[in-house]
Amino acid sequence: MTVPDPGFMVAYCEQTLPGMLIDVCEVPEDLAHRIAVDVLRRAEALASLPAREQDVLIAPFVEEAFAQEPADAPLDLKAKVALVVRNSLLDEPVRAGAPSYGVAAVLRYAAAPLSHLLGARLREPVGLAGIHPFMGLAGRYPRAWTCLEALTDGFAAGGPHPLTLPAAPVPGLPPLADDELRTRLSRAATGDAVLHVPALGHWSRDSRRLHGILEFLLAHRATILTTNYLISPTDVSVRYGDLVSPDPSALRDTRGLTGTHRTLAESITG
């Protein structure tokens, strides 16, 4: 039996990742090294958390991660790679047009090293000093966290899962640079709106900001429809069977959708 070695993740971040970013993704050297430092910090932060919290944190990103390579990697590991690597400062060159094949390679080569780090820290936990990007989300965004917990539980069997939101102050609109999204959220606050987004990560890859968006929408009784999820103030639902890749037309594929989830999907796609 192979003993998990955290040194593989350190080597990936100090050697492999910067080289791939520079040579394959055409990222400036300074930014490449800053991304690598951020990825290792995020990996250690995730590894310091209990397994349940790790599962809740990856829930918004499973839809996009399930098709990542390596194809035989566990789904939860793929989603953790997305959370740790894709959602890091790597998002900056991705949005600037970094080659998709290079980004895919970066994620593929991260899976094994991250698995080693998570396994090693599970065997021998290491305390993490200072602030990290996943700290305090459950307390600051109680509705969003409870919702994502229900979504996590819903993965086991698919279909609907009840949601009981905690009582909490109604938050203001979170700060957003995207004018269109800010307008959509503002409109959602006026009534029982239904917002469609291909995947939750399309709104933000920053966990804190995404939790803020979910907290705002749930506090204002909005319903969120993604390619594979339905989130409302009273329940969540996950597509039965295989997930569907969240491209713009994917919602037309209603296999595995039932009840309200299917009805809303069909009403949006016509």
C-alpha atoms as a PDB file:
ATOM      1  CA  MET A   1       0.000   0.000   0.000  1.00  0.00           C
ATOM      2  CA  THR A   2       1.379   3.386  -1.018  1.00  0.00           C
ATOM      3  CA  VAL A   3       1.716   5.845   1.844  1.00  0.00           C
ATOM      4  CA  PRO A   4       0.419   9.297   0.800  1.00  0.00           C
ATOM      5  CA  ASP A   5       3.255  11.789   0.464  1.00  0.00           C
ATOM      6  CA  PRO A   6       2.510  15.537   0.716  1.00  0.00           C
ATOM      7  CA  GLY A   7       5.836  16.186  -0.997  1.00  0.00           C
ATOM      8  CA  PHE A   8       4.222  15.348  -4.349  1.00  0.00           C
ATOM      9  CA  MET A   9       1.929  18.381  -4.037  1.00  0.00           C
ATOM     10  CA  VAL A  10       4.807  20.605  -2.979  1.00  0.00           C
ATOM     11  CA  ALA A  11       6.832  19.459  -5.995  1.00  0.00           C
ATOM     12  CA  TYR A  12       3.844  19.996  -8.293  1.00  0.00           C
ATOM     13  CA  CYS A  13       3.414  23.573  -7.063  1.00  0.00           C
ATOM     14  CA  GLU A  14       7.105  24.466  -6.958  1.00  0.00           C
ATOM     15  CA  GLN A  15       8.211  22.822 -10.197  1.00  0.00           C
ATOM     16  CA  THR A  16       5.565  21.266 -12.452  1.00  0.00           C
ATOM     17  CA  LEU A  17       2.832  23.893 -12.215  1.00  0.00           C
ATOM     18  CA  PRO A  18       4.929  27.024 -12.886  1.00  0.00           C
ATOM     19  CA  GLY A  19       6.581  25.320 -15.848  1.00  0.00           C
ATOM     20  CA  MET A  20       3.261  24.281 -17.370  1.00  0.00           C
ATOM     21  CA  LEU A  21       1.759  27.707 -16.844  1.00  0.00           C
ATOM     22  CA  ILE A  22       4.701  29.423 -18.536  1.00  0.00           C
ATOM     23  CA  ASP A  23       5.324  26.951 -21.367  1.00  0.00           C
ATOM     24  CA  VAL A  24       1.851  25.653 -22.161  1.00  0.00           C
ATOM     25  CA  CYS A  25      -0.579  28.302 -20.869  1.00  0.00           C
ATOM     26  CA  GLU A  26       1.531  31.310 -21.909  1.00  0.00           C
ATOM     27  CA  VAL A  27       1.348  32.853 -18.432  1.00  0.00           C
ATOM     28  CA  PRO A  28       3.977  35.461 -17.419  1.00  0.00           C
ATOM     29  CA  GLU A  29       6.606  34.007 -15.084  1.00  0.00           C
ATOM     30  CA  ASP A  30       5.752  36.223 -12.103  1.00  0.00           C
ATOM     31  CA  LEU A  31       2.058  35.375 -12.307  1.00  0.00           C
ATOM     32  CA  ALA A  32       2.839  31.677 -12.781  1.00  0.00           C
ATOM     33  CA  HIS A  33       4.744  31.567  -9.498  1.00  0.00           C
ATOM     34  CA  ARG A  34       2.029  33.535  -7.677  1.00  0.00           C
ATOM     35  CA  ILE A  35      -0.558  31.053  -8.936  1.00  0.00           C
ATOM     36  CA  ALA A  36       1.568  28.161  -7.691  1.00  0.00           C
ATOM     37  CA  VAL A  37       1.873  29.705  -4.224  1.00  0.00           C
ATOM     38  CA  ASP A  38      -1.884  30.312  -4.135  1.00  0.00           C
ATOM     39  CA  VAL A  39      -2.653  26.731  -5.192  1.00  0.00           C
ATOM     40  CA  LEU A  40      -0.474  25.228  -2.445  1.00  0.00           C
ATOM     41  CA  ARG A  41      -2.053  27.560   0.121  1.00  0.00           C
ATOM     42  CA  ARG A  42      -5.534  26.554  -0.995  1.00  0.00           C
ATOM     43  CA  ALA A  43      -4.613  22.867  -0.970  1.00  0.00           C
ATOM     44  CA  GLU A  44      -3.331  23.046   2.599  1.00  0.00           C
ATOM     45  CA  ALA A  45      -6.412  25.032   3.639  1.00  0.00           C
ATOM     46  CA  LEU A  46      -8.755  22.425   2.191  1.00  0.00           C
ATOM     47  CA  ALA A  47      -6.737  19.576   3.713  1.00  0.00           C
ATOM     48  CA  SER A  48      -7.023  21.173   7.165  1.00  0.00           C
ATOM     49  CA  LEU A  49     -10.835  20.941   7.130  1.00  0.00           C
ATOM     50  CA  PRO A  50     -13.052  18.010   8.170  1.00  0.00           C
ATOM     51  CA  ALA A  51     -14.238  15.758   5.333  1.00  0.00           C
ATOM     52  CA  ARG A  52     -17.813  17.038   5.613  1.00  0.00           C
ATOM     53  CA  GLU A  53     -16.735  20.647   5.118  1.00  0.00           C
ATOM     54  CA  GLN A  54     -14.607  19.656   2.138  1.00  0.00           C
ATOM     55  CA  ASP A  55     -17.646  18.002   0.549  1.00  0.00           C
ATOM     56  CA  VAL A  56     -19.806  21.093   1.097  1.00  0.00           C
ATOM     57  CA  LEU A  57     -17.164  23.369  -0.416  1.00  0.00           C
ATOM     58  CA  ILE A  58     -16.924  21.357  -3.625  1.00  0.00           C
ATOM     59  CA  ALA A  59     -20.689  21.018  -4.139  1.00  0.00           C
ATOM     60  CA  PRO A  60     -21.033  24.142  -6.339  1.00  0.00           C
ATOM     61  CA  PHE A  61     -18.292  22.957  -8.705  1.00  0.00           C
ATOM     62  CA  VAL A  62     -19.087  19.270  -9.278  1.00  0.00           C
ATOM     63  CA  GLU A  63     -21.151  20.031 -12.390  1.00  0.00           C
ATOM     64  CA  GLU A  64     -18.150  21.435 -14.230  1.00  0.00           C
ATOM     65  CA  ALA A  65     -15.564  19.094 -12.731  1.00  0.00           C
ATOM     66  CA  PHE A  66     -17.087  15.693 -13.524  1.00  0.00           C
ATOM     67  CA  ALA A  67     -15.795  15.748 -17.121  1.00  0.00           C
ATOM     68  CA  GLN A  68     -12.225  16.674 -16.125  1.00  0.00           C
ATOM     69  CA  GLU A  69      -9.339  14.302 -16.730  1.00  0.00           C
ATOM     70  CA  PRO A  70      -8.108  11.897 -15.555  1.00  0.00           C
ATOM     71  CA  ALA A  71     -11.340  10.152 -16.481  1.00  0.00           C
ATOM     72  CA  ASP A  72     -10.912   7.446 -13.845  1.00  0.00           C
ATOM     73  CA  ALA A  73     -10.336   9.872 -10.956  1.00  0.00           C
ATOM     74  CA  PRO A  74     -13.090   9.934  -8.289  1.00  0.00           C
ATOM     75  CA  LEU A  75     -15.651  12.672  -8.799  1.00  0.00           C
ATOM     76  CA  ASP A  76     -14.949  14.277  -5.435  1.00  0.00           C
ATOM     77  CA  LEU A  77     -11.220  14.480  -6.237  1.00  0.00           C
ATOM     78  CA  LYS A  78     -11.943  16.168  -9.572  1.00  0.00           C
ATOM     79  CA  ALA A  79     -14.121  18.717  -7.787  1.00  0.00           C
ATOM     80  CA  LYS A  80     -11.391  19.318  -5.192  1.00  0.00           C
ATOM     81  CA  VAL A  81      -8.914  19.948  -8.021  1.00  0.00           C
ATOM     82  CA  ALA A  82     -11.382  22.492  -9.404  1.00  0.00           C
ATOM     83  CA  LEU A  83     -11.744  24.150  -5.998  1.00  0.00           C
ATOM     84  CA  VAL A  84      -8.021  24.233  -5.260  1.00  0.00           C
ATOM     85  CA  VAL A  85      -6.448  24.771  -8.693  1.00  0.00           C
ATOM     86  CA  ARG A  86      -9.020  26.028 -11.215  1.00  0.00           C
ATOM     87  CA  ASN A  87     -10.558  28.464  -8.728  1.00  0.00           C
ATOM     88  CA  SER A  88      -7.200  29.873  -7.657  1.00  0.00           C
ATOM     89  CA  LEU A  89      -5.419  32.824  -9.235  1.00  0.00           C
ATOM     90  CA  LEU A  90      -5.404  30.581 -12.304  1.00  0.00           C
ATOM     91  CA  ASP A  91      -8.824  32.079 -13.030  1.00  0.00           C
ATOM     92  CA  GLU A  92      -7.077  35.293 -14.078  1.00  0.00           C
ATOM     93  CA  PRO A  93      -5.236  33.865 -17.121  1.00  0.00           C
ATOM     94  CA  VAL A  94      -8.229  31.634 -17.930  1.00  0.00           C
ATOM     95  CA  ARG A  95     -10.472  34.687 -18.236  1.00  0.00           C
ATOM     96  CA  ALA A  96      -7.750  36.375 -20.283  1.00  0.00           C
ATOM     97  CA  GLY A  97      -7.826  33.540 -22.819  1.00  0.00           C
ATOM     98  CA  ALA A  98      -5.213  30.994 -21.717  1.00  0.00           C
ATOM     99  CA  PRO A  99      -5.297  27.928 -24.014  1.00  0.00           C
ATOM    100  CA  SER A 100      -7.962  25.497 -22.821  1.00  0.00           C
ATOM    101  CA  TYR A 101      -5.767  22.468 -23.554  1.00  0.00           C
ATOM    102  CA  GLY A 102      -3.085  23.906 -21.282  1.00  0.00           C
ATOM    103  CA  VAL A 103      -5.536  24.538 -18.448  1.00  0.00           C
ATOM    104  CA  ALA A 104      -6.919  21.003 -18.854  1.00  0.00           C
ATOM    105  CA  ALA A 105      -3.381  19.616 -18.557  1.00  0.00           C
ATOM    106  CA  VAL A 106      -2.719  21.662 -15.423  1.00  0.00           C
ATOM    107  CA  LEU A 107      -5.830  20.204 -13.797  1.00  0.00           C
ATOM    108  CA  ARG A 108      -5.086  16.660 -14.954  1.00  0.00           C
ATOM    109  CA  TYR A 109      -1.583  16.660 -13.500  1.00  0.00           C
ATOM    110  CA  ALA A 110      -2.833  18.133 -10.203  1.00  0.00           C
ATOM    111  CA  ALA A 111      -5.122  15.212  -9.328  1.00  0.00           C
ATOM    112  CA  ALA A 112      -2.556  12.719  -8.026  1.00  0.00           C
ATOM    113  CA  PRO A 113      -0.465  15.228  -6.023  1.00  0.00           C
ATOM    114  CA  LEU A 114      -3.570  16.708  -4.392  1.00  0.00           C
ATOM    115  CA  SER A 115      -4.819  13.220  -3.541  1.00  0.00           C
ATOM    116  CA  HIS A 116      -1.509  12.517  -1.805  1.00  0.00           C
ATOM    117  CA  LEU A 117      -1.679  15.746   0.191  1.00  0.00           C
ATOM    118  CA  LEU A 118      -5.268  15.173   1.309  1.00  0.00           C
ATOM    119  CA  GLY A 119      -4.488  11.591   2.284  1.00  0.00           C
ATOM    120  CA  ALA A 120      -1.370  12.588   4.203  1.00  0.00           C
ATOM    121  CA  ARG A 121      -3.150  15.316   6.153  1.00  0.00           C
ATOM    122  CA  LEU A 122      -5.986  12.921   6.950  1.00  0.00           C
ATOM    123  CA  ARG A 123      -3.462  10.555   8.526  1.00  0.00           C
ATOM    124  CA  GLU A 124      -1.504  13.292  10.279  1.00  0.00           C
ATOM    125  CA  PRO A 125      -3.446  16.557  10.547  1.00  0.00           C
ATOM    126  CA  VAL A 126      -1.442  19.777  10.394  1.00  0.00           C
ATOM    127  CA  GLY A 127      -2.814  22.923  11.981  1.00  0.00           C
ATOM    128  CA  LEU A 128      -3.144  25.842   9.596  1.00  0.00           C
ATOM    129  CA  ALA A 129      -2.215  29.265  10.940  1.00  0.00           C
ATOM    130  CA  GLY A 130      -3.706  32.505   9.651  1.00  0.00           C
ATOM    131  CA  ILE A 131      -6.647  33.335   7.420  1.00  0.00           C
ATOM    132  CA  HIS A 132      -7.455  31.058   4.493  1.00  0.00           C
ATOM    133  CA  PRO A 133     -10.012  31.328   1.660  1.00  0.00           C
ATOM    134  CA  PHE A 134     -12.464  28.791   3.128  1.00  0.00           C
ATOM    135  CA  MET A 135     -12.528  30.109   6.684  1.00  0.00           C
ATOM    136  CA  GLY A 136     -15.772  30.985   8.438  1.00  0.00           C
ATOM    137  CA  LEU A 137     -18.160  30.495   5.524  1.00  0.00           C
ATOM    138  CA  ALA A 138     -20.736  28.520   7.517  1.00  0.00           C
ATOM    139  CA  GLY A 139     -21.055  31.274  10.125  1.00  0.00           C
ATOM    140  CA  ARG A 140     -21.074  34.208   7.758  1.00  0.00           C
ATOM    141  CA  TYR A 141     -23.398  32.684   5.146  1.00  0.00           C
ATOM    142  CA  PRO A 142     -25.668  30.304   7.101  1.00  0.00           C
ATOM    143  CA  ARG A 143     -28.355  29.957   4.425  1.00  0.00           C
ATOM    144  CA  ALA A 144     -25.843  29.257   1.674  1.00  0.00           C
ATOM    145  CA  TRP A 145     -23.945  26.727   3.787  1.00  0.00           C
ATOM    146  CA  THR A 146     -27.123  24.895   4.822  1.00  0.00           C
ATOM    147  CA  CYS A 147     -28.232  24.833   1.187  1.00  0.00           C
ATOM    148  CA  LEU A 148     -24.937  23.360   0.026  1.00  0.00           C
ATOM    149  CA  GLU A 149     -25.075  20.785   2.831  1.00  0.00           C
ATOM    150  CA  ALA A 150     -28.486  19.679   1.541  1.00  0.00           C
ATOM    151  CA  LEU A 151     -27.108  19.569  -2.001  1.00  0.00           C
ATOM    152  CA  THR A 152     -24.212  17.435  -0.773  1.00  0.00           C
ATOM    153  CA  ASP A 153     -26.645  15.016   0.871  1.00  0.00           C
ATOM    154  CA  GLY A 154     -28.727  14.960  -2.313  1.00  0.00           C
ATOM    155  CA  PHE A 155     -25.861  13.561  -4.369  1.00  0.00           C
ATOM    156  CA  ALA A 156     -26.196  10.155  -2.745  1.00  0.00           C
ATOM    157  CA  ALA A 157     -29.523   9.283  -4.378  1.00  0.00           C
ATOM    158  CA  GLY A 158     -30.319  12.162  -6.709  1.00  0.00           C
ATOM    159  CA  GLY A 159     -33.724  13.781  -6.924  1.00  0.00           C
ATOM    160  CA  PRO A 160     -35.245  16.170  -4.372  1.00  0.00           C
ATOM    161  CA  HIS A 161     -33.949  16.697  -0.853  1.00  0.00           C
ATOM    162  CA  PRO A 162     -35.650  18.884   1.791  1.00  0.00           C
ATOM    163  CA  LEU A 163     -34.050  22.145   2.854  1.00  0.00           C
ATOM    164  CA  THR A 164     -34.770  24.044   6.065  1.00  0.00           C
ATOM    165  CA  LEU A 165     -33.050  27.409   6.017  1.00  0.00           C
ATOM    166  CA  PRO A 166     -31.880  28.904   9.309  1.00  0.00           C
ATOM    167  CA  ALA A 167     -33.152  32.223  10.587  1.00  0.00           C
ATOM    168  CA  ALA A 168     -30.567  34.921   9.904  1.00  0.00           C
ATOM    169  CA  PRO A 169     -30.391  38.632   9.058  1.00  0.00           C
ATOM    170  CA  VAL A 170     -31.273  39.493   5.470  1.00  0.00           C
ATOM    171  CA  PRO A 171     -28.022  40.428   3.714  1.00  0.00           C
ATOM    172  CA  GLY A 172     -27.467  43.253   1.310  1.00  0.00           C
ATOM    173  CA  LEU A 173     -26.434  42.761  -2.292  1.00  0.00           C
ATOM    174  CA  PRO A 174     -22.864  41.422  -2.359  1.00  0.00           C
ATOM    175  CA  PRO A 175     -20.245  43.559  -4.132  1.00  0.00           C
ATOM    176  CA  LEU A 176     -19.904  42.452  -7.749  1.00  0.00           C
ATOM    177  CA  ALA A 177     -17.934  43.764 -10.714  1.00  0.00           C
ATOM    178  CA  ASP A 178     -20.371  42.145 -13.166  1.00  0.00           C
ATOM    179  CA  ASP A 179     -23.101  44.727 -13.870  1.00  0.00           C
ATOM    180  CA  GLU A 180     -25.389  42.217 -15.555  1.00  0.00           C
ATOM    181  CA  LEU A 181     -25.244  39.807 -12.629  1.00  0.00           C
ATOM    182  CA  ARG A 182     -25.760  42.624 -10.129  1.00  0.00           C
ATOM    183  CA  THR A 183     -28.904  43.644 -12.042  1.00  0.00           C
ATOM    184  CA  ARG A 184     -30.212  40.072 -12.100  1.00  0.00           C
ATOM    185  CA  LEU A 185     -29.691  39.696  -8.363  1.00  0.00           C
ATOM    186  CA  SER A 186     -31.394  43.017  -7.665  1.00  0.00           C
ATOM    187  CA  ARG A 187     -34.416  41.956  -9.676  1.00  0.00           C
ATOM    188  CA  ALA A 188     -34.519  38.620  -7.865  1.00  0.00           C
ATOM    189  CA  ALA A 189     -34.893  40.463  -4.559  1.00  0.00           C
ATOM    190  CA  THR A 190     -38.275  41.827  -5.624  1.00  0.00           C
ATOM    191  CA  GLY A 191     -40.144  38.513  -5.554  1.00  0.00           C
ATOM    192  CA  ASP A 192     -40.052  34.732  -5.970  1.00  0.00           C
ATOM    193  CA  ALA A 193     -37.764  34.788  -8.988  1.00  0.00           C
ATOM    194  CA  VAL A 194     -36.220  31.881 -10.891  1.00  0.00           C
ATOM    195  CA  LEU A 195     -32.648  32.437 -12.035  1.00  0.00           C
ATOM    196  CA  HIS A 196     -30.980  30.127 -14.538  1.00  0.00           C
ATOM    197  CA  VAL A 197     -27.208  29.719 -14.723  1.00  0.00           C
ATOM    198  CA  PRO A 198     -25.474  26.772 -16.462  1.00  0.00           C
ATOM    199  CA  ALA A 199     -23.412  26.064 -13.306  1.00  0.00           C
ATOM    200  CA  LEU A 200     -23.008  27.906 -10.018  1.00  0.00           C
ATOM    201  CA  GLY A 201     -19.314  28.445 -10.736  1.00  0.00           C
ATOM    202  CA  HIS A 202     -20.278  30.664 -13.669  1.00  0.00           C
ATOM    203  CA  TRP A 203     -21.351  33.301 -11.141  1.00  0.00           C
ATOM    204  CA  SER A 204     -18.083  33.197  -9.234  1.00  0.00           C
ATOM    205  CA  ARG A 205     -15.188  30.841  -8.589  1.00  0.00           C
ATOM    206  CA  ASP A 206     -14.414  32.645  -5.358  1.00  0.00           C
ATOM    207  CA  SER A 207     -16.057  30.559  -2.616  1.00  0.00           C
ATOM    208  CA  ARG A 208     -16.712  33.540  -0.377  1.00  0.00           C
ATOM    209  CA  ARG A 209     -18.310  35.586  -3.150  1.00  0.00           C
ATOM    210  CA  LEU A 210     -20.391  32.650  -4.373  1.00  0.00           C
ATOM    211  CA  HIS A 211     -21.635  31.984  -0.851  1.00  0.00           C
ATOM    212  CA  GLY A 212     -22.593  35.662  -0.639  1.00  0.00           C
ATOM    213  CA  ILE A 213     -24.617  35.390  -3.845  1.00  0.00           C
ATOM    214  CA  LEU A 214     -26.419  32.269  -2.643  1.00  0.00           C
ATOM    215  CA  GLU A 215     -27.083  33.832   0.758  1.00  0.00           C
ATOM    216  CA  PHE A 216     -28.653  36.893  -0.873  1.00  0.00           C
ATOM    217  CA  LEU A 217     -30.834  34.885  -3.263  1.00  0.00           C
ATOM    218  CA  LEU A 218     -32.077  32.433  -0.639  1.00  0.00           C
ATOM    219  CA  ALA A 219     -32.829  35.243   1.809  1.00  0.00           C
ATOM    220  CA  HIS A 220     -35.042  36.767  -0.895  1.00  0.00           C
ATOM    221  CA  ARG A 221     -36.812  33.469  -1.666  1.00  0.00           C
ATOM    222  CA  ALA A 222     -35.328  33.075  -5.138  1.00  0.00           C
ATOM    223  CA  THR A 223     -35.010  29.748  -6.950  1.00  0.00           C
ATOM    224  CA  ILE A 224     -31.835  28.791  -8.809  1.00  0.00           C
ATOM    225  CA  LEU A 225     -31.837  26.401 -11.761  1.00  0.00           C
ATOM    226  CA  THR A 226     -28.569  24.996 -13.119  1.00  0.00           C
ATOM    227  CA  THR A 227     -27.959  22.230 -15.635  1.00  0.00           C
ATOM    228  CA  ASN A 228     -28.035  19.563 -12.905  1.00  0.00           C
ATOM    229  CA  TYR A 229     -29.330  21.284  -9.749  1.00  0.00           C
ATOM    230  CA  LEU A 230     -32.490  22.985  -8.575  1.00  0.00           C
ATOM    231  CA  ILE A 231     -32.156  25.110  -5.439  1.00  0.00           C
ATOM    232  CA  SER A 232     -35.169  26.689  -3.777  1.00  0.00           C
ATOM    233  CA  PRO A 233     -35.796  28.026  -0.253  1.00  0.00           C
ATOM    234  CA  THR A 234     -37.557  24.752   0.669  1.00  0.00           C
ATOM    235  CA  ASP A 235     -35.675  21.995  -1.166  1.00  0.00           C
ATOM    236  CA  VAL A 236     -32.833  21.138  -3.506  1.00  0.00           C
ATOM    237  CA  SER A 237     -32.738  18.602  -6.307  1.00  0.00           C
ATOM    238  CA  VAL A 238     -29.930  16.826  -8.154  1.00  0.00           C
ATOM    239  CA  ARG A 239     -30.253  15.208 -11.588  1.00  0.00           C
ATOM    240  CA  TYR A 240     -30.611  11.413 -11.334  1.00  0.00           C
ATOM    241  CA  GLY A 241     -27.918   9.301 -12.980  1.00  0.00           C
ATOM    242  CA  ASP A 242     -25.079  10.854 -14.933  1.00  0.00           C
ATOM    243  CA  LEU A 243     -24.586  14.604 -14.755  1.00  0.00           C
ATOM    244  CA  VAL A 244     -24.694  16.676 -17.922  1.00  0.00           C
ATOM    245  CA  SER A 245     -21.926  19.064 -18.918  1.00  0.00           C
ATOM    246  CA  PRO A 246     -23.184  22.632 -18.315  1.00  0.00           C
ATOM    247  CA  ASP A 247     -22.899  24.169 -21.771  1.00  0.00           C
ATOM    248  CA  PRO A 248     -25.524  26.783 -22.793  1.00  0.00           C
ATOM    249  CA  SER A 249     -27.899  24.273 -24.430  1.00  0.00           C
ATOM    250  CA  ALA A 250     -27.486  21.430 -21.934  1.00  0.00           C
ATOM    251  CA  LEU A 251     -30.683  22.175 -20.030  1.00  0.00           C
ATOM    252  CA  ARG A 252     -32.628  20.813 -23.008  1.00  0.00           C
ATOM    253  CA  ASP A 253     -31.451  17.366 -21.912  1.00  0.00           C
ATOM    254  CA  THR A 254     -34.040  16.605 -19.235  1.00  0.00           C
ATOM    255  CA  ARG A 255     -32.990  13.006 -18.572  1.00  0.00           C
ATOM    256  CA  GLY A 256     -32.829  12.474 -14.821  1.00  0.00           C
ATOM    257  CA  LEU A 257     -34.898  15.565 -14.020  1.00  0.00           C
ATOM    258  CA  THR A 258     -38.215  15.062 -12.252  1.00  0.00           C
ATOM    259  CA  GLY A 259     -41.102  17.073 -10.840  1.00  0.00           C
ATOM    260  CA  THR A 260     -40.567  20.803 -10.443  1.00  0.00           C
ATOM    261  CA  HIS A 261     -36.978  20.467 -11.622  1.00  0.00           C
ATOM    262  CA  ARG A 262     -38.093  19.096 -14.977  1.00  0.00           C
ATOM    263  CA  THR A 263     -41.005  21.519 -15.288  1.00  0.00           C
ATOM    264  CA  LEU A 264     -38.821  24.571 -14.764  1.00  0.00           C
ATOM    265  CA  ALA A 265     -36.169  23.291 -17.165  1.00  0.00           C
ATOM    266  CA  GLU A 266     -38.778  22.738 -19.869  1.00  0.00           C
ATOM    267  CA  SER A 267     -40.330  26.167 -19.278  1.00  0.00           C
ATOM    268  CA  ILE A 268     -36.980  27.901 -19.731  1.00  0.00           C
ATOM    269  CA  THR A 269     -35.907  25.941 -22.815  1.00  0.00           C
ATOM    270  CA  GLY A 270     -39.337  26.134 -24.411  1.00  0.00           C
END
